[in-house]
mmCIF file of all heavy atoms, coordinates in Angstrom:
data_MODEL
# 
_entry.id   MODEL 
# 
loop_
_atom_site.group_PDB 
_atom_site.id 
_atom_site.type_symbol 
_atom_site.label_atom_id 
_atom_site.label_alt_id 
_atom_site.label_comp_id 
_atom_site.label_asym_id 
_atom_site.label_entity_id 
_atom_site.label_seq_id 
_atom_site.pdbx_PDB_ins_code 
_atom_site.Cartn_x 
_atom_site.Cartn_y 
_atom_site.Cartn_z 
_atom_site.occupancy 
_atom_site.B_iso_or_equiv 
_atom_site.pdbx_formal_charge 
_atom_site.auth_seq_id 
_atom_site.auth_comp_id 
_atom_site.auth_asym_id 
_atom_site.auth_atom_id 
_atom_site.pdbx_PDB_model_num 
ATOM 1   N N   . SER A 1 1  ? 86.833 94.222 86.720  1.00 0.00 ? 1  SER A N   1 
ATOM 2   C CA  . SER A 1 1  ? 86.450 94.546 85.439  1.00 0.00 ? 1  SER A CA  1 
ATOM 3   C C   . SER A 1 1  ? 86.786 93.422 84.407  1.00 0.00 ? 1  SER A C   1 
ATOM 4   O O   . SER A 1 1  ? 87.811 92.792 84.680  1.00 0.00 ? 1  SER A O   1 
ATOM 5   C CB  . SER A 1 1  ? 87.027 95.879 84.943  1.00 0.00 ? 1  SER A CB  1 
ATOM 6   O OG  . SER A 1 1  ? 86.602 96.924 85.686  1.00 0.00 ? 1  SER A OG  1 
ATOM 7   N N   . CYS A 1 2  ? 86.026 93.247 83.428  1.00 0.00 ? 2  CYS A N   1 
ATOM 8   C CA  . CYS A 1 2  ? 86.307 92.198 82.416  1.00 0.00 ? 2  CYS A CA  1 
ATOM 9   C C   . CYS A 1 2  ? 86.197 92.716 81.064  1.00 0.00 ? 2  CYS A C   1 
ATOM 10  O O   . CYS A 1 2  ? 85.097 93.294 80.601  1.00 0.00 ? 2  CYS A O   1 
ATOM 11  C CB  . CYS A 1 2  ? 85.307 91.057 82.565  1.00 0.00 ? 2  CYS A CB  1 
ATOM 12  S SG  . CYS A 1 2  ? 85.473 89.779 81.248  1.00 0.00 ? 2  CYS A SG  1 
ATOM 13  N N   . ALA A 1 3  ? 87.264 92.855 80.413  1.00 0.00 ? 3  ALA A N   1 
ATOM 14  C CA  . ALA A 1 3  ? 87.258 93.348 79.018  1.00 0.00 ? 3  ALA A CA  1 
ATOM 15  C C   . ALA A 1 3  ? 87.100 92.247 77.954  1.00 0.00 ? 3  ALA A C   1 
ATOM 16  O O   . ALA A 1 3  ? 87.803 91.178 78.083  1.00 0.00 ? 3  ALA A O   1 
ATOM 17  C CB  . ALA A 1 3  ? 88.615 94.057 78.777  1.00 0.00 ? 3  ALA A CB  1 
ATOM 18  N N   . VAL A 1 4  ? 86.123 92.390 77.218  1.00 0.00 ? 4  VAL A N   1 
ATOM 19  C CA  . VAL A 1 4  ? 85.722 91.365 76.163  1.00 0.00 ? 4  VAL A CA  1 
ATOM 20  C C   . VAL A 1 4  ? 86.133 91.824 74.797  1.00 0.00 ? 4  VAL A C   1 
ATOM 21  O O   . VAL A 1 4  ? 85.964 92.834 74.340  1.00 0.00 ? 4  VAL A O   1 
ATOM 22  C CB  . VAL A 1 4  ? 84.273 91.132 76.259  1.00 0.00 ? 4  VAL A CB  1 
ATOM 23  C CG1 . VAL A 1 4  ? 83.857 89.937 75.307  1.00 0.00 ? 4  VAL A CG1 1 
ATOM 24  C CG2 . VAL A 1 4  ? 83.681 90.828 77.629  1.00 0.00 ? 4  VAL A CG2 1 
ATOM 25  N N   . SER A 1 5  ? 86.814 90.854 74.115  1.00 0.00 ? 5  SER A N   1 
ATOM 26  C CA  . SER A 1 5  ? 87.362 91.162 72.764  1.00 0.00 ? 5  SER A CA  1 
ATOM 27  C C   . SER A 1 5  ? 86.341 91.291 71.674  1.00 0.00 ? 5  SER A C   1 
ATOM 28  O O   . SER A 1 5  ? 86.581 92.029 70.662  1.00 0.00 ? 5  SER A O   1 
ATOM 29  C CB  . SER A 1 5  ? 88.375 90.150 72.301  1.00 0.00 ? 5  SER A CB  1 
ATOM 30  O OG  . SER A 1 5  ? 87.634 88.815 72.158  1.00 0.00 ? 5  SER A OG  1 
ATOM 31  N N   . GLY A 1 6  ? 85.098 90.790 71.941  1.00 0.00 ? 6  GLY A N   1 
ATOM 32  C CA  . GLY A 1 6  ? 84.040 91.002 70.995  1.00 0.00 ? 6  GLY A CA  1 
ATOM 33  C C   . GLY A 1 6  ? 82.787 91.700 71.526  1.00 0.00 ? 6  GLY A C   1 
ATOM 34  O O   . GLY A 1 6  ? 82.890 92.055 72.755  1.00 0.00 ? 6  GLY A O   1 
ATOM 35  N N   . SER A 1 7  ? 81.742 91.651 70.802  1.00 0.00 ? 7  SER A N   1 
ATOM 36  C CA  . SER A 1 7  ? 80.470 92.225 71.421  1.00 0.00 ? 7  SER A CA  1 
ATOM 37  C C   . SER A 1 7  ? 79.970 91.376 72.471  1.00 0.00 ? 7  SER A C   1 
ATOM 38  O O   . SER A 1 7  ? 79.726 90.160 72.291  1.00 0.00 ? 7  SER A O   1 
ATOM 39  C CB  . SER A 1 7  ? 79.492 92.476 70.339  1.00 0.00 ? 7  SER A CB  1 
ATOM 40  O OG  . SER A 1 7  ? 78.191 92.882 70.830  1.00 0.00 ? 7  SER A OG  1 
ATOM 41  N N   . ILE A 1 8  ? 79.647 91.975 73.609  1.00 0.00 ? 8  ILE A N   1 
ATOM 42  C CA  . ILE A 1 8  ? 78.999 91.111 74.749  1.00 0.00 ? 8  ILE A CA  1 
ATOM 43  C C   . ILE A 1 8  ? 77.588 90.694 74.316  1.00 0.00 ? 8  ILE A C   1 
ATOM 44  O O   . ILE A 1 8  ? 77.019 89.742 74.850  1.00 0.00 ? 8  ILE A O   1 
ATOM 45  C CB  . ILE A 1 8  ? 79.021 91.926 75.969  1.00 0.00 ? 8  ILE A CB  1 
ATOM 46  C CG1 . ILE A 1 8  ? 78.174 93.263 75.944  1.00 0.00 ? 8  ILE A CG1 1 
ATOM 47  C CG2 . ILE A 1 8  ? 80.403 92.211 76.545  1.00 0.00 ? 8  ILE A CG2 1 
ATOM 48  C CD1 . ILE A 1 8  ? 78.127 93.964 77.236  1.00 0.00 ? 8  ILE A CD1 1 
ATOM 49  N N   . PHE A 1 9  ? 76.954 91.300 73.219  1.00 0.00 ? 9  PHE A N   1 
ATOM 50  C CA  . PHE A 1 9  ? 75.625 90.908 72.837  1.00 0.00 ? 9  PHE A CA  1 
ATOM 51  C C   . PHE A 1 9  ? 75.675 89.593 72.025  1.00 0.00 ? 9  PHE A C   1 
ATOM 52  O O   . PHE A 1 9  ? 74.613 89.164 71.664  1.00 0.00 ? 9  PHE A O   1 
ATOM 53  C CB  . PHE A 1 9  ? 74.976 92.124 72.043  1.00 0.00 ? 9  PHE A CB  1 
ATOM 54  C CG  . PHE A 1 9  ? 74.569 93.125 72.907  1.00 0.00 ? 9  PHE A CG  1 
ATOM 55  C CD1 . PHE A 1 9  ? 75.059 94.476 72.736  1.00 0.00 ? 9  PHE A CD1 1 
ATOM 56  C CD2 . PHE A 1 9  ? 73.601 93.020 73.841  1.00 0.00 ? 9  PHE A CD2 1 
ATOM 57  C CE1 . PHE A 1 9  ? 74.639 95.531 73.548  1.00 0.00 ? 9  PHE A CE1 1 
ATOM 58  C CE2 . PHE A 1 9  ? 73.222 94.067 74.663  1.00 0.00 ? 9  PHE A CE2 1 
ATOM 59  C CZ  . PHE A 1 9  ? 73.723 95.253 74.485  1.00 0.00 ? 9  PHE A CZ  1 
ATOM 60  N N   . SER A 1 10 ? 76.937 89.120 71.758  1.00 0.00 ? 10 SER A N   1 
ATOM 61  C CA  . SER A 1 10 ? 77.077 87.979 71.021  1.00 0.00 ? 10 SER A CA  1 
ATOM 62  C C   . SER A 1 10 ? 76.663 86.737 71.874  1.00 0.00 ? 10 SER A C   1 
ATOM 63  O O   . SER A 1 10 ? 76.497 85.610 71.364  1.00 0.00 ? 10 SER A O   1 
ATOM 64  C CB  . SER A 1 10 ? 78.523 87.751 70.536  1.00 0.00 ? 10 SER A CB  1 
ATOM 65  O OG  . SER A 1 10 ? 78.846 88.825 69.599  1.00 0.00 ? 10 SER A OG  1 
ATOM 66  N N   . PHE A 1 11 ? 76.592 86.972 73.150  1.00 0.00 ? 11 PHE A N   1 
ATOM 67  C CA  . PHE A 1 11 ? 76.354 85.901 74.142  1.00 0.00 ? 11 PHE A CA  1 
ATOM 68  C C   . PHE A 1 11 ? 75.014 86.131 74.817  1.00 0.00 ? 11 PHE A C   1 
ATOM 69  O O   . PHE A 1 11 ? 74.459 87.184 74.964  1.00 0.00 ? 11 PHE A O   1 
ATOM 70  C CB  . PHE A 1 11 ? 77.499 85.858 75.104  1.00 0.00 ? 11 PHE A CB  1 
ATOM 71  C CG  . PHE A 1 11 ? 78.824 85.965 74.441  1.00 0.00 ? 11 PHE A CG  1 
ATOM 72  C CD1 . PHE A 1 11 ? 79.597 87.079 74.376  1.00 0.00 ? 11 PHE A CD1 1 
ATOM 73  C CD2 . PHE A 1 11 ? 79.369 84.620 74.051  1.00 0.00 ? 11 PHE A CD2 1 
ATOM 74  C CE1 . PHE A 1 11 ? 80.759 86.975 73.784  1.00 0.00 ? 11 PHE A CE1 1 
ATOM 75  C CE2 . PHE A 1 11 ? 80.608 84.687 73.384  1.00 0.00 ? 11 PHE A CE2 1 
ATOM 76  C CZ  . PHE A 1 11 ? 81.336 85.845 73.314  1.00 0.00 ? 11 PHE A CZ  1 
ATOM 77  N N   . THR A 1 12 ? 74.440 85.012 75.308  1.00 0.00 ? 12 THR A N   1 
ATOM 78  C CA  . THR A 1 12 ? 73.144 85.062 75.953  1.00 0.00 ? 12 THR A CA  1 
ATOM 79  C C   . THR A 1 12 ? 73.307 85.750 77.351  1.00 0.00 ? 12 THR A C   1 
ATOM 80  O O   . THR A 1 12 ? 72.363 86.369 77.803  1.00 0.00 ? 12 THR A O   1 
ATOM 81  C CB  . THR A 1 12 ? 72.529 83.630 76.115  1.00 0.00 ? 12 THR A CB  1 
ATOM 82  O OG1 . THR A 1 12 ? 73.488 82.777 76.939  1.00 0.00 ? 12 THR A OG1 1 
ATOM 83  C CG2 . THR A 1 12 ? 72.319 83.061 74.891  1.00 0.00 ? 12 THR A CG2 1 
ATOM 84  N N   . SER A 1 13 ? 74.443 85.705 77.954  1.00 0.00 ? 13 SER A N   1 
ATOM 85  C CA  . SER A 1 13 ? 74.728 86.276 79.150  1.00 0.00 ? 13 SER A CA  1 
ATOM 86  C C   . SER A 1 13 ? 76.188 86.391 79.426  1.00 0.00 ? 13 SER A C   1 
ATOM 87  O O   . SER A 1 13 ? 77.016 85.694 78.787  1.00 0.00 ? 13 SER A O   1 
ATOM 88  C CB  . SER A 1 13 ? 74.036 85.537 80.369  1.00 0.00 ? 13 SER A CB  1 
ATOM 89  O OG  . SER A 1 13 ? 74.522 84.223 80.424  1.00 0.00 ? 13 SER A OG  1 
ATOM 90  N N   . MET A 1 14 ? 76.569 87.252 80.388  1.00 0.00 ? 14 MET A N   1 
ATOM 91  C CA  . MET A 1 14 ? 77.988 87.245 80.978  1.00 0.00 ? 14 MET A CA  1 
ATOM 92  C C   . MET A 1 14 ? 77.933 86.991 82.449  1.00 0.00 ? 14 MET A C   1 
ATOM 93  O O   . MET A 1 14 ? 77.026 87.483 83.113  1.00 0.00 ? 14 MET A O   1 
ATOM 94  C CB  . MET A 1 14 ? 78.572 88.678 80.610  1.00 0.00 ? 14 MET A CB  1 
ATOM 95  C CG  . MET A 1 14 ? 78.671 89.099 79.275  1.00 0.00 ? 14 MET A CG  1 
ATOM 96  S SD  . MET A 1 14 ? 79.757 88.087 78.171  1.00 0.00 ? 14 MET A SD  1 
ATOM 97  C CE  . MET A 1 14 ? 81.345 88.435 79.167  1.00 0.00 ? 14 MET A CE  1 
ATOM 98  N N   . GLY A 1 15 ? 78.946 86.281 82.956  1.00 0.00 ? 15 GLY A N   1 
ATOM 99  C CA  . GLY A 1 15 ? 78.895 85.926 84.239  1.00 0.00 ? 15 GLY A CA  1 
ATOM 100 C C   . GLY A 1 15 ? 80.143 86.057 84.901  1.00 0.00 ? 15 GLY A C   1 
ATOM 101 O O   . GLY A 1 15 ? 81.232 86.101 84.381  1.00 0.00 ? 15 GLY A O   1 
ATOM 102 N N   . TRP A 1 16 ? 80.049 86.326 86.373  1.00 0.00 ? 16 TRP A N   1 
ATOM 103 C CA  . TRP A 1 16 ? 81.173 86.287 87.114  1.00 0.00 ? 16 TRP A CA  1 
ATOM 104 C C   . TRP A 1 16 ? 81.148 85.051 88.082  1.00 0.00 ? 16 TRP A C   1 
ATOM 105 O O   . TRP A 1 16 ? 80.068 84.860 88.707  1.00 0.00 ? 16 TRP A O   1 
ATOM 106 C CB  . TRP A 1 16 ? 81.287 87.605 88.062  1.00 0.00 ? 16 TRP A CB  1 
ATOM 107 C CG  . TRP A 1 16 ? 81.748 88.759 87.406  1.00 0.00 ? 16 TRP A CG  1 
ATOM 108 C CD1 . TRP A 1 16 ? 81.062 89.828 86.833  1.00 0.00 ? 16 TRP A CD1 1 
ATOM 109 C CD2 . TRP A 1 16 ? 83.150 89.008 87.110  1.00 0.00 ? 16 TRP A CD2 1 
ATOM 110 N NE1 . TRP A 1 16 ? 81.956 90.713 86.316  1.00 0.00 ? 16 TRP A NE1 1 
ATOM 111 C CE2 . TRP A 1 16 ? 83.217 90.281 86.459  1.00 0.00 ? 16 TRP A CE2 1 
ATOM 112 C CE3 . TRP A 1 16 ? 84.425 88.454 87.482  1.00 0.00 ? 16 TRP A CE3 1 
ATOM 113 C CZ2 . TRP A 1 16 ? 84.420 90.962 86.144  1.00 0.00 ? 16 TRP A CZ2 1 
ATOM 114 C CZ3 . TRP A 1 16 ? 85.529 89.049 87.105  1.00 0.00 ? 16 TRP A CZ3 1 
ATOM 115 C CH2 . TRP A 1 16 ? 85.602 90.275 86.396  1.00 0.00 ? 16 TRP A CH2 1 
ATOM 116 N N   . TYR A 1 17 ? 82.157 84.282 88.043  1.00 0.00 ? 17 TYR A N   1 
ATOM 117 C CA  . TYR A 1 17 ? 82.352 83.111 88.864  1.00 0.00 ? 17 TYR A CA  1 
ATOM 118 C C   . TYR A 1 17 ? 83.545 83.251 89.816  1.00 0.00 ? 17 TYR A C   1 
ATOM 119 O O   . TYR A 1 17 ? 84.277 84.098 89.699  1.00 0.00 ? 17 TYR A O   1 
ATOM 120 C CB  . TYR A 1 17 ? 82.550 81.826 88.014  1.00 0.00 ? 17 TYR A CB  1 
ATOM 121 C CG  . TYR A 1 17 ? 81.447 81.527 87.131  1.00 0.00 ? 17 TYR A CG  1 
ATOM 122 C CD1 . TYR A 1 17 ? 81.101 82.302 85.980  1.00 0.00 ? 17 TYR A CD1 1 
ATOM 123 C CD2 . TYR A 1 17 ? 80.775 80.325 87.370  1.00 0.00 ? 17 TYR A CD2 1 
ATOM 124 C CE1 . TYR A 1 17 ? 80.062 81.898 85.194  1.00 0.00 ? 17 TYR A CE1 1 
ATOM 125 C CE2 . TYR A 1 17 ? 79.630 79.950 86.581  1.00 0.00 ? 17 TYR A CE2 1 
ATOM 126 C CZ  . TYR A 1 17 ? 79.337 80.718 85.504  1.00 0.00 ? 17 TYR A CZ  1 
ATOM 127 O OH  . TYR A 1 17 ? 78.330 80.315 84.645  1.00 0.00 ? 17 TYR A OH  1 
ATOM 128 N N   . ARG A 1 18 ? 83.518 82.450 90.831  1.00 0.00 ? 18 ARG A N   1 
ATOM 129 C CA  . ARG A 1 18 ? 84.703 82.422 91.733  1.00 0.00 ? 18 ARG A CA  1 
ATOM 130 C C   . ARG A 1 18 ? 85.001 80.964 92.238  1.00 0.00 ? 18 ARG A C   1 
ATOM 131 O O   . ARG A 1 18 ? 84.092 80.072 92.260  1.00 0.00 ? 18 ARG A O   1 
ATOM 132 C CB  . ARG A 1 18 ? 84.539 83.341 92.911  1.00 0.00 ? 18 ARG A CB  1 
ATOM 133 C CG  . ARG A 1 18 ? 83.394 82.774 93.943  1.00 0.00 ? 18 ARG A CG  1 
ATOM 134 C CD  . ARG A 1 18 ? 83.174 83.831 95.066  1.00 0.00 ? 18 ARG A CD  1 
ATOM 135 N NE  . ARG A 1 18 ? 82.172 83.502 96.020  1.00 0.00 ? 18 ARG A NE  1 
ATOM 136 C CZ  . ARG A 1 18 ? 81.733 84.181 96.977  1.00 0.00 ? 18 ARG A CZ  1 
ATOM 137 N NH1 . ARG A 1 18 ? 82.123 85.430 97.010  1.00 0.00 ? 18 ARG A NH1 1 
ATOM 138 N NH2 . ARG A 1 18 ? 80.770 83.775 97.762  1.00 0.00 ? 18 ARG A NH2 1 
ATOM 139 N N   . GLN A 1 19 ? 86.301 80.804 92.461  1.00 0.00 ? 19 GLN A N   1 
ATOM 140 C CA  . GLN A 1 19 ? 86.677 79.537 92.977  1.00 0.00 ? 19 GLN A CA  1 
ATOM 141 C C   . GLN A 1 19 ? 87.637 79.679 94.169  1.00 0.00 ? 19 GLN A C   1 
ATOM 142 O O   . GLN A 1 19 ? 88.837 80.201 93.950  1.00 0.00 ? 19 GLN A O   1 
ATOM 143 C CB  . GLN A 1 19 ? 87.408 78.639 91.812  1.00 0.00 ? 19 GLN A CB  1 
ATOM 144 C CG  . GLN A 1 19 ? 87.643 77.244 92.285  1.00 0.00 ? 19 GLN A CG  1 
ATOM 145 C CD  . GLN A 1 19 ? 87.934 76.368 91.116  1.00 0.00 ? 19 GLN A CD  1 
ATOM 146 O OE1 . GLN A 1 19 ? 88.350 76.884 89.975  1.00 0.00 ? 19 GLN A OE1 1 
ATOM 147 N NE2 . GLN A 1 19 ? 87.885 75.114 91.297  1.00 0.00 ? 19 GLN A NE2 1 
ATOM 148 N N   . ALA A 1 20 ? 87.255 79.154 95.248  1.00 0.00 ? 20 ALA A N   1 
ATOM 149 C CA  . ALA A 1 20 ? 88.102 79.251 96.491  1.00 0.00 ? 20 ALA A CA  1 
ATOM 150 C C   . ALA A 1 20 ? 88.983 77.920 96.506  1.00 0.00 ? 20 ALA A C   1 
ATOM 151 O O   . ALA A 1 20 ? 88.496 76.966 95.952  1.00 0.00 ? 20 ALA A O   1 
ATOM 152 C CB  . ALA A 1 20 ? 87.297 79.407 97.800  1.00 0.00 ? 20 ALA A CB  1 
ATOM 153 N N   . PRO A 1 21 ? 90.118 77.944 97.250  1.00 0.00 ? 21 PRO A N   1 
ATOM 154 C CA  . PRO A 1 21 ? 90.924 76.741 97.387  1.00 0.00 ? 21 PRO A CA  1 
ATOM 155 C C   . PRO A 1 21 ? 90.100 75.508 97.881  1.00 0.00 ? 21 PRO A C   1 
ATOM 156 O O   . PRO A 1 21 ? 89.444 75.672 98.999  1.00 0.00 ? 21 PRO A O   1 
ATOM 157 C CB  . PRO A 1 21 ? 92.100 77.241 98.333  1.00 0.00 ? 21 PRO A CB  1 
ATOM 158 C CG  . PRO A 1 21 ? 92.082 78.702 98.223  1.00 0.00 ? 21 PRO A CG  1 
ATOM 159 C CD  . PRO A 1 21 ? 90.759 79.142 97.941  1.00 0.00 ? 21 PRO A CD  1 
ATOM 160 N N   . GLY A 1 22 ? 90.238 74.523 97.049  1.00 0.00 ? 22 GLY A N   1 
ATOM 161 C CA  . GLY A 1 22 ? 89.544 73.298 97.596  1.00 0.00 ? 22 GLY A CA  1 
ATOM 162 C C   . GLY A 1 22 ? 88.021 73.258 97.348  1.00 0.00 ? 22 GLY A C   1 
ATOM 163 O O   . GLY A 1 22 ? 87.338 72.233 97.801  1.00 0.00 ? 22 GLY A O   1 
ATOM 164 N N   . LYS A 1 23 ? 87.540 74.209 96.681  1.00 0.00 ? 23 LYS A N   1 
ATOM 165 C CA  . LYS A 1 23 ? 86.054 74.302 96.483  1.00 0.00 ? 23 LYS A CA  1 
ATOM 166 C C   . LYS A 1 23 ? 85.944 74.373 94.933  1.00 0.00 ? 23 LYS A C   1 
ATOM 167 O O   . LYS A 1 23 ? 86.681 74.725 94.173  1.00 0.00 ? 23 LYS A O   1 
ATOM 168 C CB  . LYS A 1 23 ? 85.443 75.559 97.072  1.00 0.00 ? 23 LYS A CB  1 
ATOM 169 C CG  . LYS A 1 23 ? 85.640 75.468 98.627  1.00 0.00 ? 23 LYS A CG  1 
ATOM 170 C CD  . LYS A 1 23 ? 84.764 76.555 99.268  1.00 0.00 ? 23 LYS A CD  1 
ATOM 171 C CE  . LYS A 1 23 ? 84.647 76.501 100.710 1.00 0.00 ? 23 LYS A CE  1 
ATOM 172 N NZ  . LYS A 1 23 ? 83.856 77.609 101.280 1.00 0.00 ? 23 LYS A NZ  1 
ATOM 173 N N   . GLU A 1 24 ? 84.678 74.024 94.539  1.00 0.00 ? 24 GLU A N   1 
ATOM 174 C CA  . GLU A 1 24 ? 84.206 74.054 93.099  1.00 0.00 ? 24 GLU A CA  1 
ATOM 175 C C   . GLU A 1 24 ? 84.025 75.424 92.710  1.00 0.00 ? 24 GLU A C   1 
ATOM 176 O O   . GLU A 1 24 ? 83.745 76.357 93.491  1.00 0.00 ? 24 GLU A O   1 
ATOM 177 C CB  . GLU A 1 24 ? 83.073 73.308 92.886  1.00 0.00 ? 24 GLU A CB  1 
ATOM 178 C CG  . GLU A 1 24 ? 83.217 71.763 93.092  1.00 0.00 ? 24 GLU A CG  1 
ATOM 179 C CD  . GLU A 1 24 ? 82.141 70.867 92.630  1.00 0.00 ? 24 GLU A CD  1 
ATOM 180 O OE1 . GLU A 1 24 ? 81.086 71.414 92.248  1.00 0.00 ? 24 GLU A OE1 1 
ATOM 181 O OE2 . GLU A 1 24 ? 82.176 69.663 92.706  1.00 0.00 ? 24 GLU A OE2 1 
ATOM 182 N N   . ARG A 1 25 ? 84.167 75.833 91.445  1.00 0.00 ? 25 ARG A N   1 
ATOM 183 C CA  . ARG A 1 25 ? 83.790 77.093 90.920  1.00 0.00 ? 25 ARG A CA  1 
ATOM 184 C C   . ARG A 1 25 ? 82.312 77.275 91.031  1.00 0.00 ? 25 ARG A C   1 
ATOM 185 O O   . ARG A 1 25 ? 81.495 76.460 90.693  1.00 0.00 ? 25 ARG A O   1 
ATOM 186 C CB  . ARG A 1 25 ? 84.271 77.078 89.415  1.00 0.00 ? 25 ARG A CB  1 
ATOM 187 C CG  . ARG A 1 25 ? 84.350 78.607 88.852  1.00 0.00 ? 25 ARG A CG  1 
ATOM 188 C CD  . ARG A 1 25 ? 84.907 78.557 87.491  1.00 0.00 ? 25 ARG A CD  1 
ATOM 189 N NE  . ARG A 1 25 ? 86.326 78.194 87.591  1.00 0.00 ? 25 ARG A NE  1 
ATOM 190 C CZ  . ARG A 1 25 ? 87.223 78.325 86.528  1.00 0.00 ? 25 ARG A CZ  1 
ATOM 191 N NH1 . ARG A 1 25 ? 86.763 78.787 85.473  1.00 0.00 ? 25 ARG A NH1 1 
ATOM 192 N NH2 . ARG A 1 25 ? 88.421 77.840 86.631  1.00 0.00 ? 25 ARG A NH2 1 
ATOM 193 N N   . GLU A 1 26 ? 81.929 78.444 91.488  1.00 0.00 ? 26 GLU A N   1 
ATOM 194 C CA  . GLU A 1 26 ? 80.586 78.710 91.710  1.00 0.00 ? 26 GLU A CA  1 
ATOM 195 C C   . GLU A 1 26 ? 80.142 80.137 91.006  1.00 0.00 ? 26 GLU A C   1 
ATOM 196 O O   . GLU A 1 26 ? 81.064 81.089 90.885  1.00 0.00 ? 26 GLU A O   1 
ATOM 197 C CB  . GLU A 1 26 ? 80.248 78.824 93.160  1.00 0.00 ? 26 GLU A CB  1 
ATOM 198 C CG  . GLU A 1 26 ? 80.919 79.955 93.906  1.00 0.00 ? 26 GLU A CG  1 
ATOM 199 C CD  . GLU A 1 26 ? 80.435 80.126 95.287  1.00 0.00 ? 26 GLU A CD  1 
ATOM 200 O OE1 . GLU A 1 26 ? 79.524 79.477 95.671  1.00 0.00 ? 26 GLU A OE1 1 
ATOM 201 O OE2 . GLU A 1 26 ? 81.040 80.985 96.072  1.00 0.00 ? 26 GLU A OE2 1 
ATOM 202 N N   . LEU A 1 27 ? 78.873 80.236 90.440  1.00 0.00 ? 27 LEU A N   1 
ATOM 203 C CA  . LEU A 1 27 ? 78.453 81.368 89.984  1.00 0.00 ? 27 LEU A CA  1 
ATOM 204 C C   . LEU A 1 27 ? 78.187 82.512 90.961  1.00 0.00 ? 27 LEU A C   1 
ATOM 205 O O   . LEU A 1 27 ? 77.461 82.155 91.956  1.00 0.00 ? 27 LEU A O   1 
ATOM 206 C CB  . LEU A 1 27 ? 77.100 81.124 89.113  1.00 0.00 ? 27 LEU A CB  1 
ATOM 207 C CG  . LEU A 1 27 ? 76.395 82.262 88.533  1.00 0.00 ? 27 LEU A CG  1 
ATOM 208 C CD1 . LEU A 1 27 ? 77.308 82.980 87.450  1.00 0.00 ? 27 LEU A CD1 1 
ATOM 209 C CD2 . LEU A 1 27 ? 75.074 81.887 87.911  1.00 0.00 ? 27 LEU A CD2 1 
ATOM 210 N N   . VAL A 1 28 ? 78.586 83.596 90.712  1.00 0.00 ? 28 VAL A N   1 
ATOM 211 C CA  . VAL A 1 28 ? 78.481 84.817 91.656  1.00 0.00 ? 28 VAL A CA  1 
ATOM 212 C C   . VAL A 1 28 ? 77.371 85.666 91.100  1.00 0.00 ? 28 VAL A C   1 
ATOM 213 O O   . VAL A 1 28 ? 76.436 86.053 91.902  1.00 0.00 ? 28 VAL A O   1 
ATOM 214 C CB  . VAL A 1 28 ? 79.776 85.541 91.875  1.00 0.00 ? 28 VAL A CB  1 
ATOM 215 C CG1 . VAL A 1 28 ? 79.504 86.788 92.716  1.00 0.00 ? 28 VAL A CG1 1 
ATOM 216 C CG2 . VAL A 1 28 ? 80.855 84.616 92.451  1.00 0.00 ? 28 VAL A CG2 1 
ATOM 217 N N   . ALA A 1 29 ? 77.449 86.058 89.953  1.00 0.00 ? 29 ALA A N   1 
ATOM 218 C CA  . ALA A 1 29 ? 76.486 87.044 89.304  1.00 0.00 ? 29 ALA A CA  1 
ATOM 219 C C   . ALA A 1 29 ? 76.453 86.841 87.915  1.00 0.00 ? 29 ALA A C   1 
ATOM 220 O O   . ALA A 1 29 ? 77.411 86.410 87.193  1.00 0.00 ? 29 ALA A O   1 
ATOM 221 C CB  . ALA A 1 29 ? 76.844 88.494 89.787  1.00 0.00 ? 29 ALA A CB  1 
# 
């Protein structure tokens, strides 16, 4: 879960990313 301090409609989108050791951060969803 991700709690956002403002309205999520303020943004064009919301994303989940991940970063594994030794790898670049990648978009998940």
